[in-house]
């Protein structure tokens, strides 16, 4: 959970900073965002499968539901963000960074899974 939260924060800050820079800095930010975003997706899937009550029987159903919801968000968020470009060229990036912030807040409400849960961790 701590790793996911830190990756979300890196991704959020990187996306919000994108419209403030140009040239090489944008490429550096894009690489940093990519290194933070992709592991997040995989760790969320693992966290989903390690949740209490998700056994071998329900693991693929839980993963399928999570990926379906992610695909819906992946189809809606770009369209919503791009529609905000009429306001300002940087507004879509602020919107997408805010979505990462919302994901971090929701992550804060989730319970620990796996080994930390068994040890009594937060």
PDB file of N, CA and C in Angstrom:
ATOM      1  N   UNK A   1       0.827  -1.189   0.000  1.00  0.00           N
ATOM      2  CA  UNK A   1       0.000   0.000   0.000  1.00  0.00           C
ATOM      3  C   UNK A   1       0.875   1.258   0.000  1.00  0.00           C
ATOM      4  N   UNK A   2       1.973   1.229   0.745  1.00  0.00           N
ATOM      5  CA  UNK A   2       2.882   2.376   0.786  1.00  0.00           C
ATOM      6  C   UNK A   2       3.554   2.585  -0.571  1.00  0.00           C
ATOM      7  N   UNK A   3       3.916   1.495  -1.228  1.00  0.00           N
ATOM      8  CA  UNK A   3       4.531   1.596  -2.550  1.00  0.00           C
ATOM      9  C   UNK A   3       3.530   2.160  -3.551  1.00  0.00           C
ATOM     10  N   UNK A   4       2.303   1.664  -3.510  1.00  0.00           N
ATOM     11  CA  UNK A   4       1.264   2.177  -4.403  1.00  0.00           C
ATOM     12  C   UNK A   4       1.021   3.662  -4.185  1.00  0.00           C
ATOM     13  N   UNK A   5       0.953   4.063  -2.930  1.00  0.00           N
ATOM     14  CA  UNK A   5       0.702   5.470  -2.631  1.00  0.00           C
ATOM     15  C   UNK A   5       1.834   6.344  -3.166  1.00  0.00           C
ATOM     16  N   UNK A   6       3.077   5.927  -2.967  1.00  0.00           N
ATOM     17  CA  UNK A   6       4.205   6.730  -3.453  1.00  0.00           C
ATOM     18  C   UNK A   6       4.225   6.785  -4.981  1.00  0.00           C
ATOM     19  N   UNK A   7       3.892   5.677  -5.638  1.00  0.00           N
ATOM     20  CA  UNK A   7       3.837   5.679  -7.104  1.00  0.00           C
ATOM     21  C   UNK A   7       2.719   6.584  -7.614  1.00  0.00           C
ATOM     22  N   UNK A   8       1.575   6.594  -6.926  1.00  0.00           N
ATOM     23  CA  UNK A   8       0.486   7.486  -7.314  1.00  0.00           C
ATOM     24  C   UNK A   8       0.884   8.953  -7.160  1.00  0.00           C
ATOM     25  N   UNK A   9       1.595   9.273  -6.086  1.00  0.00           N
ATOM     26  CA  UNK A   9       2.024  10.657  -5.863  1.00  0.00           C
ATOM     27  C   UNK A   9       3.016  11.084  -6.946  1.00  0.00           C
ATOM     28  N   UNK A  10       3.960  10.222  -7.282  1.00  0.00           N
ATOM     29  CA  UNK A  10       4.926  10.539  -8.350  1.00  0.00           C
ATOM     30  C   UNK A  10       4.197  10.751  -9.661  1.00  0.00           C
ATOM     31  N   UNK A  11       3.268   9.878  -9.967  1.00  0.00           N
ATOM     32  CA  UNK A  11       2.490  10.010 -11.201  1.00  0.00           C
ATOM     33  C   UNK A  11       1.674  11.291 -11.214  1.00  0.00           C
ATOM     34  N   UNK A  12       1.028  11.597 -10.099  1.00  0.00           N
ATOM     35  CA  UNK A  12       0.194  12.797 -10.002  1.00  0.00           C
ATOM     36  C   UNK A  12       1.033  14.058 -10.183  1.00  0.00           C
ATOM     37  N   UNK A  13       2.147  14.149  -9.487  1.00  0.00           N
ATOM     38  CA  UNK A  13       2.991  15.337  -9.598  1.00  0.00           C
ATOM     39  C   UNK A  13       3.548  15.466 -11.013  1.00  0.00           C
ATOM     40  N   UNK A  14       3.967  14.357 -11.593  1.00  0.00           N
ATOM     41  CA  UNK A  14       4.499  14.392 -12.954  1.00  0.00           C
ATOM     42  C   UNK A  14       3.482  14.879 -13.971  1.00  0.00           C
ATOM     43  N   UNK A  15       2.247  14.396 -13.863  1.00  0.00           N
ATOM     44  CA  UNK A  15       1.205  14.801 -14.812  1.00  0.00           C
ATOM     45  C   UNK A  15       0.857  16.276 -14.641  1.00  0.00           C
ATOM     46  N   UNK A  16       0.791  16.734 -13.405  1.00  0.00           N
ATOM     47  CA  UNK A  16       0.462  18.142 -13.167  1.00  0.00           C
ATOM     48  C   UNK A  16       1.580  19.060 -13.652  1.00  0.00           C
ATOM     49  N   UNK A  17       2.832  18.602 -13.593  1.00  0.00           N
ATOM     50  CA  UNK A  17       3.958  19.426 -14.046  1.00  0.00           C
ATOM     51  C   UNK A  17       4.124  19.450 -15.566  1.00  0.00           C
ATOM     52  N   UNK A  18       3.539  18.498 -16.274  1.00  0.00           N
ATOM     53  CA  UNK A  18       3.718  18.427 -17.730  1.00  0.00           C
ATOM     54  C   UNK A  18       3.445  19.737 -18.472  1.00  0.00           C
ATOM     55  N   UNK A  19       2.342  20.438 -18.236  1.00  0.00           N
ATOM     56  CA  UNK A  19       2.099  21.649 -19.020  1.00  0.00           C
ATOM     57  C   UNK A  19       3.017  22.820 -18.664  1.00  0.00           C
ATOM     58  N   UNK A  20       3.770  22.705 -17.585  1.00  0.00           N
ATOM     59  CA  UNK A  20       4.634  23.806 -17.172  1.00  0.00           C
ATOM     60  C   UNK A  20       5.983  23.809 -17.879  1.00  0.00           C
ATOM     61  N   UNK A  21       6.315  22.707 -18.540  1.00  0.00           N
ATOM     62  CA  UNK A  21       7.624  22.587 -19.175  1.00  0.00           C
ATOM     63  C   UNK A  21       7.475  22.265 -20.654  1.00  0.00           C
ATOM     64  N   UNK A  22       8.591  22.352 -21.363  1.00  0.00           N
ATOM     65  CA  UNK A  22       8.617  21.939 -22.761  1.00  0.00           C
ATOM     66  C   UNK A  22       9.970  21.301 -23.077  1.00  0.00           C
ATOM     67  N   UNK A  23      10.105  20.840 -24.289  1.00  0.00           N
ATOM     68  CA  UNK A  23      11.336  20.217 -24.791  1.00  0.00           C
ATOM     69  C   UNK A  23      11.716  18.958 -24.021  1.00  0.00           C
ATOM     70  N   UNK A  24      12.968  18.877 -23.579  1.00  0.00           N
ATOM     71  CA  UNK A  24      13.496  17.655 -22.982  1.00  0.00           C
ATOM     72  C   UNK A  24      12.845  17.328 -21.642  1.00  0.00           C
ATOM     73  N   UNK A  25      12.439  18.340 -20.898  1.00  0.00           N
ATOM     74  CA  UNK A  25      11.863  18.110 -19.586  1.00  0.00           C
ATOM     75  C   UNK A  25      10.557  17.309 -19.702  1.00  0.00           C
ATOM     76  N   UNK A  26       9.788  17.558 -20.758  1.00  0.00           N
ATOM     77  CA  UNK A  26       8.547  16.815 -20.972  1.00  0.00           C
ATOM     78  C   UNK A  26       8.855  15.331 -21.165  1.00  0.00           C
ATOM     79  N   UNK A  27       9.913  15.036 -21.909  1.00  0.00           N
ATOM     80  CA  UNK A  27      10.274  13.631 -22.118  1.00  0.00           C
ATOM     81  C   UNK A  27      10.721  12.971 -20.822  1.00  0.00           C
ATOM     82  N   UNK A  28      11.465  13.699 -20.012  1.00  0.00           N
ATOM     83  CA  UNK A  28      11.904  13.163 -18.720  1.00  0.00           C
ATOM     84  C   UNK A  28      10.693  12.901 -17.823  1.00  0.00           C
ATOM     85  N   UNK A  29       9.772  13.867 -17.779  1.00  0.00           N
ATOM     86  CA  UNK A  29       8.554  13.678 -16.985  1.00  0.00           C
ATOM     87  C   UNK A  29       7.728  12.501 -17.499  1.00  0.00           C
ATOM     88  N   UNK A  30       7.631  12.358 -18.817  1.00  0.00           N
ATOM     89  CA  UNK A  30       6.861  11.254 -19.392  1.00  0.00           C
ATOM     90  C   UNK A  30       7.471   9.907 -19.009  1.00  0.00           C
ATOM     91  N   UNK A  31       8.777   9.822 -18.994  1.00  0.00           N
ATOM     92  CA  UNK A  31       9.441   8.575 -18.602  1.00  0.00           C
ATOM     93  C   UNK A  31       9.200   8.286 -17.126  1.00  0.00           C
ATOM     94  N   UNK A  32       9.300   9.319 -16.291  1.00  0.00           N
ATOM     95  CA  UNK A  32       9.059   9.140 -14.851  1.00  0.00           C
ATOM     96  C   UNK A  32       7.613   8.702 -14.603  1.00  0.00           C
ATOM     97  N   UNK A  33       6.675   9.338 -15.300  1.00  0.00           N
ATOM     98  CA  UNK A  33       5.258   8.969 -15.150  1.00  0.00           C
ATOM     99  C   UNK A  33       5.044   7.521 -15.584  1.00  0.00           C
ATOM    100  N   UNK A  34       5.670   7.130 -16.683  1.00  0.00           N
ATOM    101  CA  UNK A  34       5.541   5.750 -17.164  1.00  0.00           C
ATOM    102  C   UNK A  34       6.097   4.741 -16.178  1.00  0.00           C
ATOM    103  N   UNK A  35       7.238   5.070 -15.566  1.00  0.00           N
ATOM    104  CA  UNK A  35       7.819   4.167 -14.570  1.00  0.00           C
ATOM    105  C   UNK A  35       6.963   4.091 -13.308  1.00  0.00           C
ATOM    106  N   UNK A  36       6.169   5.120 -13.039  1.00  0.00           N
ATOM    107  CA  UNK A  36       5.307   5.103 -11.853  1.00  0.00           C
ATOM    108  C   UNK A  36       3.938   4.498 -12.159  1.00  0.00           C
ATOM    109  N   UNK A  37       3.404   4.758 -13.329  1.00  0.00           N
ATOM    110  CA  UNK A  37       2.032   4.356 -13.648  1.00  0.00           C
ATOM    111  C   UNK A  37       1.902   2.852 -13.912  1.00  0.00           C
ATOM    112  N   UNK A  38       2.787   2.297 -14.687  1.00  0.00           N
ATOM    113  CA  UNK A  38       2.673   0.885 -15.056  1.00  0.00           C
ATOM    114  C   UNK A  38       2.786  -0.069 -13.861  1.00  0.00           C
ATOM    115  N   UNK A  39       3.746   0.141 -12.943  1.00  0.00           N
ATOM    116  CA  UNK A  39       3.759  -0.741 -11.763  1.00  0.00           C
ATOM    117  C   UNK A  39       2.500  -0.595 -10.913  1.00  0.00           C
ATOM    118  N   UNK A  40       1.915   0.598 -10.901  1.00  0.00           N
ATOM    119  CA  UNK A  40       0.665   0.811 -10.147  1.00  0.00           C
ATOM    120  C   UNK A  40      -0.413  -0.144 -10.634  1.00  0.00           C
ATOM    121  N   UNK A  41      -0.553  -0.249 -11.928  1.00  0.00           N
ATOM    122  CA  UNK A  41      -1.602  -1.104 -12.483  1.00  0.00           C
ATOM    123  C   UNK A  41      -1.404  -2.554 -12.033  1.00  0.00           C
ATOM    124  N   UNK A  42      -0.187  -3.042 -12.098  1.00  0.00           N
ATOM    125  CA  UNK A  42       0.070  -4.428 -11.718  1.00  0.00           C
ATOM    126  C   UNK A  42      -0.096  -4.644 -10.222  1.00  0.00           C
ATOM    127  N   UNK A  43       0.368  -3.681  -9.422  1.00  0.00           N
ATOM    128  CA  UNK A  43       0.230  -3.833  -7.971  1.00  0.00           C
ATOM    129  C   UNK A  43      -1.227  -3.763  -7.527  1.00  0.00           C
ATOM    130  N   UNK A  44      -2.041  -2.954  -8.218  1.00  0.00           N
ATOM    131  CA  UNK A  44      -3.468  -2.928  -7.901  1.00  0.00           C
ATOM    132  C   UNK A  44      -4.113  -4.278  -8.195  1.00  0.00           C
ATOM    133  N   UNK A  45      -3.704  -4.921  -9.286  1.00  0.00           N
ATOM    134  CA  UNK A  45      -4.245  -6.250  -9.591  1.00  0.00           C
ATOM    135  C   UNK A  45      -3.841  -7.268  -8.527  1.00  0.00           C
ATOM    136  N   UNK A  46      -2.585  -7.216  -8.099  1.00  0.00           N
ATOM    137  CA  UNK A  46      -2.119  -8.139  -7.066  1.00  0.00           C
ATOM    138  C   UNK A  46      -2.851  -7.866  -5.754  1.00  0.00           C
ATOM    139  N   UNK A  47      -2.999  -6.591  -5.421  1.00  0.00           N
ATOM    140  CA  UNK A  47      -3.706  -6.224  -4.192  1.00  0.00           C
ATOM    141  C   UNK A  47      -5.147  -6.730  -4.233  1.00  0.00           C
ATOM    142  N   UNK A  48      -5.748  -6.653  -5.395  1.00  0.00           N
ATOM    143  CA  UNK A  48      -7.116  -7.132  -5.580  1.00  0.00           C
ATOM    144  C   UNK A  48      -7.204  -8.629  -5.312  1.00  0.00           C
ATOM    145  N   UNK A  49      -6.260  -9.384  -5.836  1.00  0.00           N
ATOM    146  CA  UNK A  49      -6.298 -10.838  -5.673  1.00  0.00           C
ATOM    147  C   UNK A  49      -5.931 -11.279  -4.262  1.00  0.00           C
ATOM    148  N   UNK A  50      -5.180 -10.447  -3.513  1.00  0.00           N
ATOM    149  CA  UNK A  50      -4.808 -10.801  -2.151  1.00  0.00           C
ATOM    150  C   UNK A  50      -5.855 -10.373  -1.129  1.00  0.00           C
ATOM    151  N   UNK A  51      -6.900  -9.702  -1.562  1.00  0.00           N
ATOM    152  CA  UNK A  51      -7.924  -9.224  -0.632  1.00  0.00           C
ATOM    153  C   UNK A  51      -8.636 -10.394   0.034  1.00  0.00           C
ATOM    154  N   UNK A  52      -9.057 -10.146   1.256  1.00  0.00           N
ATOM    155  CA  UNK A  52      -9.759 -11.177   2.009  1.00  0.00           C
ATOM    156  C   UNK A  52     -11.071 -11.536   1.317  1.00  0.00           C
ATOM    157  N   UNK A  53     -11.345 -12.812   1.201  1.00  0.00           N
ATOM    158  CA  UNK A  53     -12.568 -13.274   0.564  1.00  0.00           C
ATOM    159  C   UNK A  53     -12.407 -13.577  -0.914  1.00  0.00           C
ATOM    160  N   UNK A  54     -11.306 -13.128  -1.511  1.00  0.00           N
ATOM    161  CA  UNK A  54     -11.055 -13.433  -2.921  1.00  0.00           C
ATOM    162  C   UNK A  54     -10.159 -14.662  -2.954  1.00  0.00           C
ATOM    163  N   UNK A  55     -10.768 -15.811  -3.147  1.00  0.00           N
ATOM    164  CA  UNK A  55     -10.003 -17.053  -3.185  1.00  0.00           C
ATOM    165  C   UNK A  55      -9.675 -17.394  -4.637  1.00  0.00           C
ATOM    166  N   UNK A  56      -9.144 -18.576  -4.822  1.00  0.00           N
ATOM    167  CA  UNK A  56      -8.818 -19.042  -6.172  1.00  0.00           C
ATOM    168  C   UNK A  56     -10.074 -19.059  -7.046  1.00  0.00           C
ATOM    169  N   UNK A  57     -11.197 -19.317  -6.426  1.00  0.00           N
ATOM    170  CA  UNK A  57     -12.453 -19.411  -7.157  1.00  0.00           C
ATOM    171  C   UNK A  57     -12.845 -18.060  -7.749  1.00  0.00           C
ATOM    172  N   UNK A  58     -12.630 -16.982  -7.003  1.00  0.00           N
ATOM    173  CA  UNK A  58     -13.093 -15.663  -7.428  1.00  0.00           C
ATOM    174  C   UNK A  58     -11.987 -14.760  -7.965  1.00  0.00           C
ATOM    175  N   UNK A  59     -10.738 -15.216  -7.979  1.00  0.00           N
ATOM    176  CA  UNK A  59      -9.617 -14.358  -8.372  1.00  0.00           C
ATOM    177  C   UNK A  59      -9.765 -13.828  -9.795  1.00  0.00           C
ATOM    178  N   UNK A  60     -10.105 -14.682 -10.739  1.00  0.00           N
ATOM    179  CA  UNK A  60     -10.207 -14.210 -12.125  1.00  0.00           C
ATOM    180  C   UNK A  60     -11.431 -13.328 -12.329  1.00  0.00           C
ATOM    181  N   UNK A  61     -12.511 -13.593 -11.599  1.00  0.00           N
ATOM    182  CA  UNK A  61     -13.689 -12.720 -11.687  1.00  0.00           C
ATOM    183  C   UNK A  61     -13.364 -11.342 -11.130  1.00  0.00           C
ATOM    184  N   UNK A  62     -12.674 -11.306  -9.989  1.00  0.00           N
ATOM    185  CA  UNK A  62     -12.292 -10.024  -9.390  1.00  0.00           C
ATOM    186  C   UNK A  62     -11.344  -9.252 -10.307  1.00  0.00           C
ATOM    187  N   UNK A  63     -10.387  -9.959 -10.901  1.00  0.00           N
ATOM    188  CA  UNK A  63      -9.452  -9.303 -11.804  1.00  0.00           C
ATOM    189  C   UNK A  63     -10.171  -8.800 -13.054  1.00  0.00           C
ATOM    190  N   UNK A  64     -11.078  -9.592 -13.589  1.00  0.00           N
ATOM    191  CA  UNK A  64     -11.830  -9.175 -14.764  1.00  0.00           C
ATOM    192  C   UNK A  64     -12.679  -7.951 -14.497  1.00  0.00           C
ATOM    193  N   UNK A  65     -13.323  -7.911 -13.326  1.00  0.00           N
ATOM    194  CA  UNK A  65     -14.131  -6.746 -12.968  1.00  0.00           C
ATOM    195  C   UNK A  65     -13.260  -5.509 -12.808  1.00  0.00           C
ATOM    196  N   UNK A  66     -12.117  -5.671 -12.176  1.00  0.00           N
ATOM    197  CA  UNK A  66     -11.219  -4.534 -11.981  1.00  0.00           C
ATOM    198  C   UNK A  66     -10.675  -4.004 -13.310  1.00  0.00           C
ATOM    199  N   UNK A  67     -10.292  -4.899 -14.189  1.00  0.00           N
ATOM    200  CA  UNK A  67      -9.771  -4.479 -15.492  1.00  0.00           C
ATOM    201  C   UNK A  67     -10.877  -3.826 -16.326  1.00  0.00           C
ATOM    202  N   UNK A  68     -12.096  -4.337 -16.226  1.00  0.00           N
ATOM    203  CA  UNK A  68     -13.217  -3.730 -16.952  1.00  0.00           C
ATOM    204  C   UNK A  68     -13.470  -2.302 -16.486  1.00  0.00           C
ATOM    205  N   UNK A  69     -13.473  -2.107 -15.173  1.00  0.00           N
ATOM    206  CA  UNK A  69     -13.668  -0.758 -14.631  1.00  0.00           C
ATOM    207  C   UNK A  69     -12.515   0.154 -15.058  1.00  0.00           C
ATOM    208  N   UNK A  70     -11.285  -0.374 -15.054  1.00  0.00           N
ATOM    209  CA  UNK A  70     -10.131   0.422 -15.489  1.00  0.00           C
ATOM    210  C   UNK A  70     -10.243   0.798 -16.967  1.00  0.00           C
ATOM    211  N   UNK A  71     -10.729  -0.119 -17.783  1.00  0.00           N
ATOM    212  CA  UNK A  71     -10.897   0.176 -19.217  1.00  0.00           C
ATOM    213  C   UNK A  71     -11.963   1.241 -19.447  1.00  0.00           C
ATOM    214  N   UNK A  72     -13.027   1.189 -18.663  1.00  0.00           N
ATOM    215  CA  UNK A  72     -14.066   2.220 -18.779  1.00  0.00           C
ATOM    216  C   UNK A  72     -13.466   3.581 -18.407  1.00  0.00           C
ATOM    217  N   UNK A  73     -12.726   3.610 -17.306  1.00  0.00           N
ATOM    218  CA  UNK A  73     -12.060   4.851 -16.908  1.00  0.00           C
ATOM    219  C   UNK A  73     -11.048   5.309 -17.936  1.00  0.00           C
ATOM    220  N   UNK A  74     -10.336   4.361 -18.545  1.00  0.00           N
ATOM    221  CA  UNK A  74      -9.366   4.697 -19.579  1.00  0.00           C
ATOM    222  C   UNK A  74     -10.001   5.214 -20.853  1.00  0.00           C
ATOM    223  N   UNK A  75     -11.278   4.929 -21.041  1.00  0.00           N
ATOM    224  CA  UNK A  75     -11.983   5.465 -22.211  1.00  0.00           C
ATOM    225  C   UNK A  75     -12.657   6.795 -21.933  1.00  0.00           C
ATOM    226  N   UNK A  76     -13.075   6.991 -20.681  1.00  0.00           N
ATOM    227  CA  UNK A  76     -13.804   8.206 -20.325  1.00  0.00           C
ATOM    228  C   UNK A  76     -12.856   9.343 -19.939  1.00  0.00           C
ATOM    229  N   UNK A  77     -11.816   9.055 -19.163  1.00  0.00           N
ATOM    230  CA  UNK A  77     -10.920  10.102 -18.662  1.00  0.00           C
ATOM    231  C   UNK A  77     -10.226  10.900 -19.772  1.00  0.00           C
ATOM    232  N   UNK A  78      -9.700  10.264 -20.829  1.00  0.00           N
ATOM    233  CA  UNK A  78      -9.086  11.060 -21.891  1.00  0.00           C
ATOM    234  C   UNK A  78     -10.085  11.985 -22.589  1.00  0.00           C
ATOM    235  N   UNK A  79     -11.286  11.491 -22.820  1.00  0.00           N
ATOM    236  CA  UNK A  79     -12.287  12.324 -23.488  1.00  0.00           C
ATOM    237  C   UNK A  79     -12.681  13.515 -22.611  1.00  0.00           C
ATOM    238  N   UNK A  80     -12.888  13.261 -21.325  1.00  0.00           N
ATOM    239  CA  UNK A  80     -13.213  14.362 -20.417  1.00  0.00           C
ATOM    240  C   UNK A  80     -12.071  15.363 -20.324  1.00  0.00           C
ATOM    241  N   UNK A  81     -10.854  14.856 -20.173  1.00  0.00           N
ATOM    242  CA  UNK A  81      -9.690  15.738 -20.081  1.00  0.00           C
ATOM    243  C   UNK A  81      -9.488  16.557 -21.334  1.00  0.00           C
ATOM    244  N   UNK A  82      -9.609  15.916 -22.484  1.00  0.00           N
ATOM    245  CA  UNK A  82      -9.420  16.645 -23.745  1.00  0.00           C
ATOM    246  C   UNK A  82     -10.493  17.705 -23.956  1.00  0.00           C
ATOM    247  N   UNK A  83     -11.693  17.468 -23.439  1.00  0.00           N
ATOM    248  CA  UNK A  83     -12.738  18.489 -23.566  1.00  0.00           C
ATOM    249  C   UNK A  83     -12.418  19.724 -22.733  1.00  0.00           C
ATOM    250  N   UNK A  84     -11.563  19.583 -21.729  1.00  0.00           N
ATOM    251  CA  UNK A  84     -11.166  20.721 -20.902  1.00  0.00           C
ATOM    252  C   UNK A  84     -10.066  21.565 -21.546  1.00  0.00           C
ATOM    253  N   UNK A  85      -9.520  21.113 -22.671  1.00  0.00           N
ATOM    254  CA  UNK A  85      -8.470  21.871 -23.349  1.00  0.00           C
ATOM    255  C   UNK A  85      -8.985  23.197 -23.889  1.00  0.00           C
ATOM    256  N   UNK A  86     -10.305  23.334 -24.029  1.00  0.00           N
ATOM    257  CA  UNK A  86     -10.865  24.617 -24.461  1.00  0.00           C
ATOM    258  C   UNK A  86     -10.624  25.703 -23.424  1.00  0.00           C
ATOM    259  N   UNK A  87     -10.560  25.339 -22.165  1.00  0.00           N
ATOM    260  CA  UNK A  87     -10.315  26.295 -21.087  1.00  0.00           C
ATOM    261  C   UNK A  87      -8.867  26.771 -21.133  1.00  0.00           C
ATOM    262  N   UNK A  88      -7.956  25.805 -21.115  1.00  0.00           N
ATOM    263  CA  UNK A  88      -6.522  26.095 -21.162  1.00  0.00           C
ATOM    264  C   UNK A  88      -5.814  24.825 -21.627  1.00  0.00           C
ATOM    265  N   UNK A  89      -4.662  24.981 -22.223  1.00  0.00           N
ATOM    266  CA  UNK A  89      -3.931  23.827 -22.733  1.00  0.00           C
ATOM    267  C   UNK A  89      -3.458  22.909 -21.592  1.00  0.00           C
ATOM    268  N   UNK A  90      -3.281  23.449 -20.389  1.00  0.00           N
ATOM    269  CA  UNK A  90      -2.806  22.649 -19.265  1.00  0.00           C
ATOM    270  C   UNK A  90      -3.910  22.065 -18.403  1.00  0.00           C
ATOM    271  N   UNK A  91      -5.140  22.490 -18.615  1.00  0.00           N
ATOM    272  CA  UNK A  91      -6.253  22.021 -17.782  1.00  0.00           C
ATOM    273  C   UNK A  91      -6.452  20.508 -17.834  1.00  0.00           C
ATOM    274  N   UNK A  92      -6.330  19.849 -18.981  1.00  0.00           N
ATOM    275  CA  UNK A  92      -6.487  18.386 -18.971  1.00  0.00           C
ATOM    276  C   UNK A  92      -5.485  17.687 -18.049  1.00  0.00           C
ATOM    277  N   UNK A  93      -4.269  18.193 -17.987  1.00  0.00           N
ATOM    278  CA  UNK A  93      -3.258  17.561 -17.142  1.00  0.00           C
ATOM    279  C   UNK A  93      -3.583  17.747 -15.665  1.00  0.00           C
ATOM    280  N   UNK A  94      -4.121  18.894 -15.315  1.00  0.00           N
ATOM    281  CA  UNK A  94      -4.553  19.118 -13.936  1.00  0.00           C
ATOM    282  C   UNK A  94      -5.700  18.159 -13.601  1.00  0.00           C
ATOM    283  N   UNK A  95      -6.620  17.973 -14.548  1.00  0.00           N
ATOM    284  CA  UNK A  95      -7.738  17.035 -14.349  1.00  0.00           C
ATOM    285  C   UNK A  95      -7.226  15.620 -14.143  1.00  0.00           C
ATOM    286  N   UNK A  96      -6.298  15.182 -15.004  1.00  0.00           N
ATOM    287  CA  UNK A  96      -5.776  13.819 -14.889  1.00  0.00           C
ATOM    288  C   UNK A  96      -4.959  13.647 -13.616  1.00  0.00           C
ATOM    289  N   UNK A  97      -4.234  14.668 -13.199  1.00  0.00           N
ATOM    290  CA  UNK A  97      -3.511  14.613 -11.929  1.00  0.00           C
ATOM    291  C   UNK A  97      -4.464  14.528 -10.750  1.00  0.00           C
ATOM    292  N   UNK A  98      -5.595  15.221 -10.868  1.00  0.00           N
ATOM    293  CA  UNK A  98      -6.618  15.157  -9.823  1.00  0.00           C
ATOM    294  C   UNK A  98      -7.210  13.753  -9.735  1.00  0.00           C
ATOM    295  N   UNK A  99      -7.365  13.088 -10.869  1.00  0.00           N
ATOM    296  CA  UNK A  99      -7.845  11.702 -10.840  1.00  0.00           C
ATOM    297  C   UNK A  99      -6.866  10.799 -10.089  1.00  0.00           C
ATOM    298  N   UNK A 100      -5.570  11.047 -10.255  1.00  0.00           N
ATOM    299  CA  UNK A 100      -4.568  10.279  -9.499  1.00  0.00           C
ATOM    300  C   UNK A 100      -4.678  10.577  -8.009  1.00  0.00           C
ATOM    301  N   UNK A 101      -4.966  11.832  -7.662  1.00  0.00           N
ATOM    302  CA  UNK A 101      -5.168  12.194  -6.260  1.00  0.00           C
ATOM    303  C   UNK A 101      -6.382  11.470  -5.683  1.00  0.00           C
ATOM    304  N   UNK A 102      -7.458  11.393  -6.448  1.00  0.00           N
ATOM    305  CA  UNK A 102      -8.658  10.671  -6.009  1.00  0.00           C
ATOM    306  C   UNK A 102      -8.325   9.194  -5.794  1.00  0.00           C
ATOM    307  N   UNK A 103      -7.517   8.616  -6.682  1.00  0.00           N
ATOM    308  CA  UNK A 103      -7.111   7.212  -6.518  1.00  0.00           C
ATOM    309  C   UNK A 103      -6.301   7.034  -5.235  1.00  0.00           C
ATOM    310  N   UNK A 104      -5.425   7.995  -4.913  1.00  0.00           N
ATOM    311  CA  UNK A 104      -4.632   7.911  -3.681  1.00  0.00           C
ATOM    312  C   UNK A 104      -5.521   8.009  -2.449  1.00  0.00           C
ATOM    313  N   UNK A 105      -6.536   8.867  -2.498  1.00  0.00           N
ATOM    314  CA  UNK A 105      -7.463   8.988  -1.368  1.00  0.00           C
ATOM    315  C   UNK A 105      -8.246   7.687  -1.184  1.00  0.00           C
ATOM    316  N   UNK A 106      -8.729   7.121  -2.281  1.00  0.00           N
ATOM    317  CA  UNK A 106      -9.469   5.851  -2.200  1.00  0.00           C
ATOM    318  C   UNK A 106      -8.558   4.745  -1.675  1.00  0.00           C
ATOM    319  N   UNK A 107      -7.297   4.746  -2.102  1.00  0.00           N
ATOM    320  CA  UNK A 107      -6.338   3.755  -1.613  1.00  0.00           C
ATOM    321  C   UNK A 107      -6.165   3.866  -0.103  1.00  0.00           C
ATOM    322  N   UNK A 108      -6.246   5.080   0.418  1.00  0.00           N
ATOM    323  CA  UNK A 108      -6.130   5.276   1.861  1.00  0.00           C
ATOM    324  C   UNK A 108      -7.231   4.591   2.649  1.00  0.00           C
ATOM    325  N   UNK A 109      -8.382   4.384   2.040  1.00  0.00           N
ATOM    326  CA  UNK A 109      -9.502   3.736   2.720  1.00  0.00           C
ATOM    327  C   UNK A 109      -9.479   2.209   2.602  1.00  0.00           C
ATOM    328  N   UNK A 110      -8.576   1.672   1.821  1.00  0.00           N
ATOM    329  CA  UNK A 110      -8.529   0.221   1.662  1.00  0.00           C
ATOM    330  C   UNK A 110      -7.773  -0.421   2.820  1.00  0.00           C
ATOM    331  N   UNK A 111      -8.122  -1.655   3.099  1.00  0.00           N
ATOM    332  CA  UNK A 111      -7.442  -2.397   4.157  1.00  0.00           C
ATOM    333  C   UNK A 111      -6.197  -3.050   3.595  1.00  0.00           C
ATOM    334  N   UNK A 112      -5.254  -3.349   4.495  1.00  0.00           N
ATOM    335  CA  UNK A 112      -4.039  -4.054   4.092  1.00  0.00           C
ATOM    336  C   UNK A 112      -4.385  -5.459   3.636  1.00  0.00           C
ATOM    337  N   UNK A 113      -3.582  -5.989   2.751  1.00  0.00           N
ATOM    338  CA  UNK A 113      -3.785  -7.344   2.258  1.00  0.00           C
ATOM    339  C   UNK A 113      -2.542  -8.178   2.544  1.00  0.00           C
ATOM    340  N   UNK A 114      -2.664  -9.456   2.434  1.00  0.00           N
ATOM    341  CA  UNK A 114      -1.514 -10.357   2.507  1.00  0.00           C
ATOM    342  C   UNK A 114      -0.820 -10.362   3.840  1.00  0.00           C
ATOM    343  N   UNK A 115       0.523 -10.327   3.807  1.00  0.00           N
ATOM    344  CA  UNK A 115       1.343 -10.502   5.002  1.00  0.00           C
ATOM    345  C   UNK A 115       1.128  -9.403   6.034  1.00  0.00           C
ATOM    346  N   UNK A 116       1.022  -8.148   5.607  1.00  0.00           N
ATOM    347  CA  UNK A 116       0.856  -7.060   6.579  1.00  0.00           C
ATOM    348  C   UNK A 116      -0.444  -7.213   7.355  1.00  0.00           C
ATOM    349  N   UNK A 117      -1.476  -7.692   6.701  1.00  0.00           N
ATOM    350  CA  UNK A 117      -2.753  -7.882   7.380  1.00  0.00           C
ATOM    351  C   UNK A 117      -2.622  -8.946   8.460  1.00  0.00           C
ATOM    352  N   UNK A 118      -1.879 -10.007   8.180  1.00  0.00           N
ATOM    353  CA  UNK A 118      -1.702 -11.081   9.143  1.00  0.00           C
ATOM    354  C   UNK A 118      -0.845 -10.659  10.332  1.00  0.00           C
ATOM    355  N   UNK A 119       0.115  -9.727  10.077  1.00  0.00           N
ATOM    356  CA  UNK A 119       0.968  -9.230  11.162  1.00  0.00           C
ATOM    357  C   UNK A 119       0.296  -8.131  11.961  1.00  0.00           C
ATOM    358  N   UNK A 120      -0.807  -7.600  11.457  1.00  0.00           N
ATOM    359  CA  UNK A 120      -1.479  -6.514  12.167  1.00  0.00           C
ATOM    360  C   UNK A 120      -1.007  -5.143  11.740  1.00  0.00           C
ATOM    361  N   UNK A 121      -0.455  -5.031  10.541  1.00  0.00           N
ATOM    362  CA  UNK A 121       0.037  -3.739  10.049  1.00  0.00           C
ATOM    363  C   UNK A 121      -1.108  -2.818   9.657  1.00  0.00           C
ATOM    364  N   UNK A 122      -0.742  -1.571   9.424  1.00  0.00           N
ATOM    365  CA  UNK A 122      -1.739  -0.557   9.067  1.00  0.00           C
ATOM    366  C   UNK A 122      -1.989  -0.578   7.585  1.00  0.00           C
TER     367      UNK A 122
END
